[in-house]
Amino acid sequence: MNIKLLAIGKTDNKALQSLMDDYQKRLSHYIKFDLEIIPDIKNVKNLSEAQQKEKEGELILAKLTPTDQLILLDENGKSYSSVAFSGELQKKMNSGVKTLVYVIGGPYGFSDAVYSKAHGKVSLSGMTFSHQMVRLFFIEQLYRAFTILRNEPYHHQ
C-alpha cells in the first residue's frame, strides 16, 4: 500500500518543515509515503468561500486515480486513539487498498464534490490547528501507527 497526503499551500515555517522531513524519512522505512502540495489559489480575494472550496476541490480531485481511497482530515471526522488509528491502517492494508490518499483542505474545508468522493473522514482533534501544523501531526501519527503495528518502543501504553 502507498499513502499520500495532499495539502493546500506550501509550508513556510522552516522548523515545521524540518520536523516533517524527519518524520517522512522515518516513515519511509515502513511504507511508501508522499506529501504532495497543491499550490494556493491565486486572487482568492475575488472569490467567495464557496468558489474557493470549489476551485480547491477541482485541484484535489484532479490528483486522484480511480483506485485511490480518499480520506478527508476533517473536524467532523471520526476520532481515533493512536492504537485504533494503527488498527484502521492495518485493515486498509489487509483489504488490498493500493493507494490511501489523505487530504488537508483549504481554510474553508472541502467542496461537496470532494465530500462525495471520500471514503471516510478523520479528525485529529476537537481543537483547531494551523494547516501547517496538522501536516506535521498527521505524518507523526502515521509514523507512530507503523511503530505500533511493528511493536516497536516509540509508542508507550
N, C-alpha and C. Protein backbone atom coordinates (compact mmCIF):
# COMPACT_ATOMS: atom_id res chain seq x y z
N MET A 1 0.85 -1.18 0.00
CA MET A 1 0.00 0.00 0.00
C MET A 1 0.89 1.24 0.00
N ASN A 2 0.41 2.26 -0.68
CA ASN A 2 1.04 3.58 -0.67
C ASN A 2 0.13 4.53 0.09
N ILE A 3 0.72 5.50 0.74
CA ILE A 3 -0.05 6.55 1.41
C ILE A 3 0.40 7.89 0.87
N LYS A 4 -0.59 8.70 0.53
CA LYS A 4 -0.30 10.04 0.03
C LYS A 4 -1.06 11.04 0.89
N LEU A 5 -0.40 12.14 1.20
CA LEU A 5 -1.05 13.25 1.89
C LEU A 5 -1.07 14.43 0.93
N LEU A 6 -2.27 14.90 0.61
CA LEU A 6 -2.44 16.10 -0.21
C LEU A 6 -2.75 17.27 0.71
N ALA A 7 -2.10 18.40 0.46
CA ALA A 7 -2.34 19.59 1.29
C ALA A 7 -2.33 20.82 0.40
N ILE A 8 -3.18 21.76 0.75
CA ILE A 8 -3.26 23.03 0.01
C ILE A 8 -2.22 23.99 0.59
N GLY A 9 -1.39 24.56 -0.26
CA GLY A 9 -0.43 25.59 0.14
C GLY A 9 0.84 25.04 0.76
N LYS A 10 1.95 25.75 0.51
CA LYS A 10 3.24 25.27 0.99
C LYS A 10 3.44 25.58 2.47
N THR A 11 4.38 24.86 3.08
CA THR A 11 4.76 25.12 4.47
C THR A 11 5.87 26.15 4.46
N ASP A 12 5.62 27.32 5.04
CA ASP A 12 6.65 28.36 5.02
C ASP A 12 7.42 28.45 6.34
N ASN A 13 7.08 27.62 7.31
CA ASN A 13 7.79 27.60 8.58
C ASN A 13 8.90 26.55 8.49
N LYS A 14 10.15 27.01 8.51
CA LYS A 14 11.29 26.10 8.32
C LYS A 14 11.41 25.07 9.45
N ALA A 15 11.06 25.44 10.66
CA ALA A 15 11.14 24.50 11.79
C ALA A 15 10.13 23.36 11.60
N LEU A 16 8.90 23.72 11.22
CA LEU A 16 7.89 22.69 10.95
C LEU A 16 8.30 21.81 9.78
N GLN A 17 8.84 22.43 8.73
CA GLN A 17 9.26 21.67 7.55
C GLN A 17 10.36 20.68 7.92
N SER A 18 11.28 21.10 8.76
CA SER A 18 12.37 20.22 9.19
C SER A 18 11.82 19.01 9.96
N LEU A 19 10.87 19.24 10.84
CA LEU A 19 10.25 18.14 11.59
C LEU A 19 9.48 17.21 10.65
N MET A 20 8.76 17.79 9.69
CA MET A 20 8.02 16.96 8.74
C MET A 20 8.99 16.10 7.93
N ASP A 21 10.10 16.69 7.51
CA ASP A 21 11.11 15.94 6.76
C ASP A 21 11.65 14.78 7.59
N ASP A 22 11.87 15.02 8.88
CA ASP A 22 12.38 13.98 9.77
C ASP A 22 11.39 12.81 9.85
N TYR A 23 10.12 13.12 10.08
CA TYR A 23 9.12 12.05 10.19
C TYR A 23 8.87 11.35 8.85
N GLN A 24 8.96 12.09 7.74
CA GLN A 24 8.81 11.45 6.43
C GLN A 24 9.95 10.45 6.20
N LYS A 25 11.14 10.82 6.61
CA LYS A 25 12.29 9.92 6.47
C LYS A 25 12.09 8.67 7.33
N ARG A 26 11.64 8.85 8.56
CA ARG A 26 11.37 7.71 9.43
C ARG A 26 10.30 6.80 8.85
N LEU A 27 9.25 7.43 8.33
CA LEU A 27 8.11 6.70 7.78
C LEU A 27 8.51 5.87 6.56
N SER A 28 9.51 6.34 5.83
CA SER A 28 9.93 5.65 4.60
C SER A 28 10.46 4.24 4.88
N HIS A 29 10.81 3.94 6.12
CA HIS A 29 11.26 2.59 6.48
C HIS A 29 10.11 1.60 6.55
N TYR A 30 8.87 2.10 6.56
CA TYR A 30 7.70 1.24 6.73
C TYR A 30 6.82 1.16 5.49
N ILE A 31 6.70 2.28 4.79
CA ILE A 31 5.72 2.36 3.70
C ILE A 31 6.12 3.46 2.73
N LYS A 32 5.62 3.35 1.50
CA LYS A 32 5.85 4.43 0.53
C LYS A 32 4.87 5.56 0.88
N PHE A 33 5.44 6.72 1.17
CA PHE A 33 4.64 7.87 1.57
C PHE A 33 5.04 9.07 0.73
N ASP A 34 4.03 9.81 0.26
CA ASP A 34 4.28 11.04 -0.50
C ASP A 34 3.45 12.17 0.10
N LEU A 35 4.08 13.31 0.25
CA LEU A 35 3.38 14.54 0.61
C LEU A 35 3.35 15.38 -0.66
N GLU A 36 2.15 15.67 -1.12
CA GLU A 36 2.00 16.45 -2.34
C GLU A 36 1.30 17.76 -2.00
N ILE A 37 1.94 18.85 -2.37
CA ILE A 37 1.40 20.18 -2.09
C ILE A 37 0.66 20.70 -3.32
N ILE A 38 -0.57 21.12 -3.11
CA ILE A 38 -1.35 21.77 -4.15
C ILE A 38 -1.18 23.28 -3.93
N PRO A 39 -0.68 23.99 -4.91
CA PRO A 39 -0.42 25.42 -4.72
C PRO A 39 -1.69 26.20 -4.32
N ASP A 40 -1.48 27.23 -3.50
CA ASP A 40 -2.58 28.11 -3.13
C ASP A 40 -3.22 28.69 -4.39
N ILE A 41 -4.52 28.90 -4.32
CA ILE A 41 -5.23 29.54 -5.43
C ILE A 41 -4.90 31.02 -5.42
N LYS A 42 -4.68 31.55 -6.61
CA LYS A 42 -4.37 32.99 -6.75
C LYS A 42 -5.66 33.80 -6.72
N ASN A 43 -5.54 35.06 -6.30
CA ASN A 43 -6.64 36.02 -6.32
C ASN A 43 -7.87 35.55 -5.54
N VAL A 44 -7.65 34.97 -4.35
CA VAL A 44 -8.79 34.48 -3.56
C VAL A 44 -9.66 35.63 -3.05
N LYS A 45 -9.11 36.84 -3.02
CA LYS A 45 -9.91 37.99 -2.56
C LYS A 45 -11.13 38.21 -3.44
N ASN A 46 -11.03 37.77 -4.69
CA ASN A 46 -12.14 37.95 -5.64
C ASN A 46 -13.12 36.78 -5.62
N LEU A 47 -12.87 35.78 -4.75
CA LEU A 47 -13.71 34.59 -4.71
C LEU A 47 -14.48 34.49 -3.39
N SER A 48 -15.68 33.97 -3.47
CA SER A 48 -16.43 33.67 -2.24
C SER A 48 -15.84 32.42 -1.61
N GLU A 49 -16.22 32.13 -0.37
CA GLU A 49 -15.76 30.90 0.28
C GLU A 49 -16.15 29.68 -0.55
N ALA A 50 -17.39 29.67 -1.04
CA ALA A 50 -17.87 28.53 -1.84
C ALA A 50 -17.07 28.38 -3.12
N GLN A 51 -16.76 29.49 -3.78
CA GLN A 51 -15.97 29.42 -5.02
C GLN A 51 -14.55 28.91 -4.73
N GLN A 52 -13.98 29.35 -3.61
CA GLN A 52 -12.64 28.90 -3.25
C GLN A 52 -12.65 27.39 -2.98
N LYS A 53 -13.68 26.92 -2.24
CA LYS A 53 -13.79 25.48 -1.97
C LYS A 53 -13.94 24.69 -3.27
N GLU A 54 -14.73 25.21 -4.21
CA GLU A 54 -14.94 24.53 -5.49
C GLU A 54 -13.62 24.42 -6.26
N LYS A 55 -12.89 25.52 -6.34
CA LYS A 55 -11.62 25.51 -7.09
C LYS A 55 -10.61 24.56 -6.43
N GLU A 56 -10.51 24.62 -5.10
CA GLU A 56 -9.61 23.70 -4.41
C GLU A 56 -10.06 22.25 -4.61
N GLY A 57 -11.37 22.03 -4.58
CA GLY A 57 -11.91 20.70 -4.79
C GLY A 57 -11.54 20.14 -6.15
N GLU A 58 -11.61 20.97 -7.18
CA GLU A 58 -11.23 20.54 -8.52
C GLU A 58 -9.76 20.12 -8.55
N LEU A 59 -8.90 20.89 -7.88
CA LEU A 59 -7.47 20.57 -7.84
C LEU A 59 -7.21 19.27 -7.08
N ILE A 60 -7.94 19.07 -5.99
CA ILE A 60 -7.80 17.84 -5.20
C ILE A 60 -8.23 16.63 -6.03
N LEU A 61 -9.41 16.71 -6.62
CA LEU A 61 -9.95 15.58 -7.38
C LEU A 61 -9.08 15.25 -8.59
N ALA A 62 -8.42 16.26 -9.16
CA ALA A 62 -7.54 16.03 -10.31
C ALA A 62 -6.32 15.19 -9.94
N LYS A 63 -5.98 15.14 -8.65
CA LYS A 63 -4.81 14.39 -8.18
C LYS A 63 -5.13 12.92 -7.91
N LEU A 64 -6.40 12.54 -8.00
CA LEU A 64 -6.81 11.18 -7.65
C LEU A 64 -6.89 10.28 -8.87
N THR A 65 -6.63 9.00 -8.64
CA THR A 65 -6.87 7.99 -9.67
C THR A 65 -8.12 7.21 -9.25
N PRO A 66 -8.73 6.48 -10.17
CA PRO A 66 -9.97 5.76 -9.83
C PRO A 66 -9.81 4.74 -8.69
N THR A 67 -8.63 4.20 -8.50
CA THR A 67 -8.45 3.18 -7.46
C THR A 67 -8.04 3.76 -6.10
N ASP A 68 -7.78 5.07 -6.04
CA ASP A 68 -7.39 5.68 -4.76
C ASP A 68 -8.55 5.65 -3.78
N GLN A 69 -8.22 5.45 -2.51
CA GLN A 69 -9.22 5.56 -1.46
C GLN A 69 -8.97 6.89 -0.74
N LEU A 70 -9.95 7.77 -0.79
CA LEU A 70 -9.83 9.13 -0.29
C LEU A 70 -10.36 9.24 1.13
N ILE A 71 -9.53 9.77 2.03
CA ILE A 71 -9.92 10.03 3.42
C ILE A 71 -9.64 11.50 3.70
N LEU A 72 -10.64 12.20 4.20
CA LEU A 72 -10.50 13.63 4.48
C LEU A 72 -10.12 13.86 5.94
N LEU A 73 -9.17 14.74 6.16
CA LEU A 73 -8.88 15.19 7.52
C LEU A 73 -9.84 16.35 7.77
N ASP A 74 -10.82 16.09 8.62
CA ASP A 74 -11.96 16.97 8.77
C ASP A 74 -12.35 17.05 10.24
N GLU A 75 -12.67 18.23 10.70
CA GLU A 75 -13.02 18.42 12.12
C GLU A 75 -14.24 17.59 12.53
N ASN A 76 -15.08 17.22 11.57
CA ASN A 76 -16.26 16.42 11.86
C ASN A 76 -16.04 14.93 11.61
N GLY A 77 -14.78 14.55 11.40
CA GLY A 77 -14.47 13.15 11.14
C GLY A 77 -14.42 12.33 12.42
N LYS A 78 -14.14 11.06 12.24
CA LYS A 78 -14.05 10.14 13.37
C LYS A 78 -12.73 10.35 14.10
N SER A 79 -12.79 10.37 15.41
CA SER A 79 -11.59 10.49 16.23
C SER A 79 -11.09 9.10 16.60
N TYR A 80 -9.79 8.94 16.57
CA TYR A 80 -9.16 7.67 16.91
C TYR A 80 -8.08 7.90 17.96
N SER A 81 -7.85 6.90 18.78
CA SER A 81 -6.62 6.88 19.56
C SER A 81 -5.52 6.46 18.59
N SER A 82 -4.28 6.62 18.98
CA SER A 82 -3.18 6.21 18.10
C SER A 82 -3.24 4.72 17.81
N VAL A 83 -3.58 3.92 18.81
CA VAL A 83 -3.66 2.47 18.63
C VAL A 83 -4.81 2.12 17.69
N ALA A 84 -5.95 2.76 17.86
CA ALA A 84 -7.09 2.49 16.98
C ALA A 84 -6.79 2.92 15.54
N PHE A 85 -6.10 4.04 15.38
CA PHE A 85 -5.73 4.50 14.05
C PHE A 85 -4.80 3.49 13.38
N SER A 86 -3.86 2.94 14.12
CA SER A 86 -2.97 1.93 13.55
C SER A 86 -3.77 0.70 13.12
N GLY A 87 -4.79 0.35 13.88
CA GLY A 87 -5.66 -0.75 13.51
C GLY A 87 -6.41 -0.48 12.21
N GLU A 88 -6.87 0.76 12.03
CA GLU A 88 -7.55 1.13 10.79
C GLU A 88 -6.61 1.02 9.60
N LEU A 89 -5.37 1.45 9.78
CA LEU A 89 -4.38 1.32 8.71
C LEU A 89 -4.14 -0.14 8.36
N GLN A 90 -4.07 -0.98 9.39
CA GLN A 90 -3.86 -2.41 9.15
C GLN A 90 -5.03 -3.00 8.36
N LYS A 91 -6.26 -2.60 8.70
CA LYS A 91 -7.43 -3.07 7.95
C LYS A 91 -7.35 -2.66 6.48
N LYS A 92 -6.92 -1.42 6.25
CA LYS A 92 -6.80 -0.93 4.86
C LYS A 92 -5.75 -1.75 4.11
N MET A 93 -4.63 -2.02 4.75
CA MET A 93 -3.59 -2.82 4.11
C MET A 93 -4.09 -4.23 3.82
N ASN A 94 -4.80 -4.81 4.78
CA ASN A 94 -5.32 -6.17 4.62
C ASN A 94 -6.38 -6.26 3.52
N SER A 95 -7.10 -5.17 3.30
CA SER A 95 -8.19 -5.19 2.31
C SER A 95 -7.68 -4.98 0.88
N GLY A 96 -6.39 -4.71 0.74
CA GLY A 96 -5.82 -4.58 -0.59
C GLY A 96 -5.90 -3.19 -1.19
N VAL A 97 -6.14 -2.17 -0.37
CA VAL A 97 -6.14 -0.80 -0.88
C VAL A 97 -4.76 -0.52 -1.45
N LYS A 98 -4.72 -0.03 -2.69
CA LYS A 98 -3.43 0.24 -3.33
C LYS A 98 -2.86 1.58 -2.86
N THR A 99 -3.66 2.62 -2.94
CA THR A 99 -3.20 3.95 -2.51
C THR A 99 -4.27 4.59 -1.63
N LEU A 100 -3.85 4.96 -0.45
CA LEU A 100 -4.70 5.64 0.51
C LEU A 100 -4.30 7.11 0.47
N VAL A 101 -5.26 7.97 0.14
CA VAL A 101 -4.98 9.40 0.00
C VAL A 101 -5.71 10.16 1.09
N TYR A 102 -4.93 10.81 1.95
CA TYR A 102 -5.49 11.69 2.97
C TYR A 102 -5.36 13.12 2.46
N VAL A 103 -6.34 13.96 2.79
CA VAL A 103 -6.32 15.34 2.30
C VAL A 103 -6.57 16.31 3.43
N ILE A 104 -5.73 17.34 3.47
CA ILE A 104 -5.95 18.50 4.34
C ILE A 104 -6.47 19.59 3.41
N GLY A 105 -7.67 20.02 3.62
CA GLY A 105 -8.29 21.01 2.74
C GLY A 105 -7.79 22.42 3.00
N GLY A 106 -8.42 23.34 2.31
CA GLY A 106 -8.09 24.75 2.49
C GLY A 106 -8.78 25.32 3.72
N PRO A 107 -8.72 26.63 3.89
CA PRO A 107 -9.24 27.25 5.11
C PRO A 107 -10.74 27.10 5.31
N TYR A 108 -11.50 26.83 4.25
CA TYR A 108 -12.94 26.73 4.38
C TYR A 108 -13.45 25.29 4.27
N GLY A 109 -12.54 24.35 4.23
CA GLY A 109 -12.95 22.95 4.17
C GLY A 109 -13.00 22.43 2.74
N PHE A 110 -13.91 21.50 2.51
CA PHE A 110 -13.98 20.79 1.23
C PHE A 110 -15.27 21.11 0.48
N SER A 111 -15.19 20.98 -0.83
CA SER A 111 -16.39 21.14 -1.66
C SER A 111 -17.26 19.89 -1.54
N ASP A 112 -18.51 20.03 -1.94
CA ASP A 112 -19.43 18.88 -1.92
C ASP A 112 -18.90 17.75 -2.81
N ALA A 113 -18.25 18.11 -3.93
CA ALA A 113 -17.73 17.10 -4.84
C ALA A 113 -16.65 16.26 -4.16
N VAL A 114 -15.81 16.90 -3.34
CA VAL A 114 -14.76 16.16 -2.62
C VAL A 114 -15.40 15.27 -1.55
N TYR A 115 -16.37 15.82 -0.81
CA TYR A 115 -17.06 15.01 0.20
C TYR A 115 -17.71 13.77 -0.44
N SER A 116 -18.28 13.93 -1.63
CA SER A 116 -18.98 12.81 -2.25
C SER A 116 -18.01 11.71 -2.71
N LYS A 117 -16.77 12.03 -2.96
CA LYS A 117 -15.77 11.03 -3.38
C LYS A 117 -15.07 10.37 -2.19
N ALA A 118 -15.22 10.95 -1.01
CA ALA A 118 -14.48 10.48 0.17
C ALA A 118 -15.00 9.13 0.67
N HIS A 119 -14.06 8.31 1.12
CA HIS A 119 -14.39 7.01 1.73
C HIS A 119 -14.45 7.11 3.24
N GLY A 120 -14.15 8.29 3.77
CA GLY A 120 -14.19 8.49 5.21
C GLY A 120 -13.60 9.82 5.60
N LYS A 121 -13.81 10.15 6.88
CA LYS A 121 -13.27 11.40 7.43
C LYS A 121 -12.61 11.07 8.77
N VAL A 122 -11.47 11.70 9.02
CA VAL A 122 -10.74 11.52 10.27
C VAL A 122 -10.52 12.88 10.90
N SER A 123 -10.76 12.97 12.20
CA SER A 123 -10.46 14.18 12.96
C SER A 123 -9.24 13.91 13.82
N LEU A 124 -8.25 14.78 13.75
CA LEU A 124 -7.07 14.62 14.59
C LEU A 124 -7.29 15.16 16.00
N SER A 125 -8.25 16.08 16.13
CA SER A 125 -8.52 16.69 17.44
C SER A 125 -9.78 17.53 17.33
N GLY A 126 -10.39 17.78 18.47
CA GLY A 126 -11.50 18.71 18.53
C GLY A 126 -11.01 20.16 18.50
N MET A 127 -9.72 20.33 18.70
CA MET A 127 -9.12 21.67 18.68
C MET A 127 -8.79 22.06 17.25
N THR A 128 -8.58 23.35 17.05
CA THR A 128 -8.20 23.85 15.73
C THR A 128 -6.71 24.12 15.71
N PHE A 129 -6.04 23.62 14.66
CA PHE A 129 -4.61 23.85 14.47
C PHE A 129 -4.40 24.46 13.10
N SER A 130 -3.25 25.11 12.92
CA SER A 130 -2.93 25.62 11.59
C SER A 130 -2.78 24.44 10.63
N HIS A 131 -3.06 24.67 9.37
CA HIS A 131 -2.94 23.61 8.37
C HIS A 131 -1.51 23.08 8.32
N GLN A 132 -0.54 23.96 8.55
CA GLN A 132 0.85 23.53 8.52
C GLN A 132 1.17 22.59 9.69
N MET A 133 0.63 22.88 10.85
CA MET A 133 0.87 22.01 12.00
C MET A 133 0.14 20.67 11.84
N VAL A 134 -1.03 20.69 11.23
CA VAL A 134 -1.78 19.45 11.01
C VAL A 134 -0.96 18.49 10.16
N ARG A 135 -0.24 19.02 9.18
CA ARG A 135 0.63 18.16 8.35
C ARG A 135 1.63 17.41 9.22
N LEU A 136 2.30 18.15 10.10
CA LEU A 136 3.28 17.54 10.99
C LEU A 136 2.61 16.50 11.89
N PHE A 137 1.50 16.88 12.53
CA PHE A 137 0.82 15.96 13.44
C PHE A 137 0.38 14.68 12.72
N PHE A 138 -0.14 14.83 11.50
CA PHE A 138 -0.61 13.67 10.77
C PHE A 138 0.54 12.74 10.39
N ILE A 139 1.63 13.31 9.88
CA ILE A 139 2.77 12.48 9.49
C ILE A 139 3.36 11.78 10.71
N GLU A 140 3.41 12.48 11.85
CA GLU A 140 3.90 11.84 13.08
C GLU A 140 2.97 10.70 13.48
N GLN A 141 1.66 10.88 13.36
CA GLN A 141 0.72 9.83 13.74
C GLN A 141 0.82 8.63 12.79
N LEU A 142 1.08 8.88 11.53
CA LEU A 142 1.32 7.77 10.60
C LEU A 142 2.54 6.97 11.05
N TYR A 143 3.61 7.69 11.35
CA TYR A 143 4.83 7.03 11.82
C TYR A 143 4.55 6.23 13.09
N ARG A 144 3.85 6.85 14.02
CA ARG A 144 3.51 6.19 15.28
C ARG A 144 2.68 4.93 15.01
N ALA A 145 1.74 5.02 14.08
CA ALA A 145 0.88 3.87 13.77
C ALA A 145 1.72 2.68 13.29
N PHE A 146 2.70 2.95 12.44
CA PHE A 146 3.51 1.84 11.94
C PHE A 146 4.43 1.28 13.02
N THR A 147 4.90 2.12 13.94
CA THR A 147 5.71 1.57 15.04
C THR A 147 4.83 0.73 15.97
N ILE A 148 3.57 1.11 16.13
CA ILE A 148 2.63 0.32 16.94
C ILE A 148 2.41 -1.04 16.27
N LEU A 149 2.18 -1.03 14.95
CA LEU A 149 1.94 -2.27 14.22
C LEU A 149 3.14 -3.22 14.29
N ARG A 150 4.33 -2.66 14.41
CA ARG A 150 5.55 -3.47 14.49
C ARG A 150 5.99 -3.74 15.93
N ASN A 151 5.18 -3.32 16.88
CA ASN A 151 5.51 -3.49 18.31
C ASN A 151 6.86 -2.88 18.68
N GLU A 152 7.15 -1.73 18.08
CA GLU A 152 8.40 -1.03 18.38
C GLU A 152 8.15 -0.08 19.56
N PRO A 153 9.22 0.31 20.24
CA PRO A 153 9.06 1.04 21.51
C PRO A 153 8.73 2.53 21.41
N TYR A 154 8.48 3.07 20.22
CA TYR A 154 8.20 4.51 20.08
C TYR A 154 6.96 4.91 20.87
N HIS A 155 5.92 4.09 20.82
CA HIS A 155 4.65 4.38 21.49
C HIS A 155 4.59 3.63 22.81
N HIS A 156 4.26 4.33 23.87
CA HIS A 156 4.17 3.69 25.20
C HIS A 156 2.72 3.62 25.62
N GLN A 157 2.34 2.46 26.11
CA GLN A 157 0.98 2.26 26.61
C GLN A 157 0.95 2.49 28.11
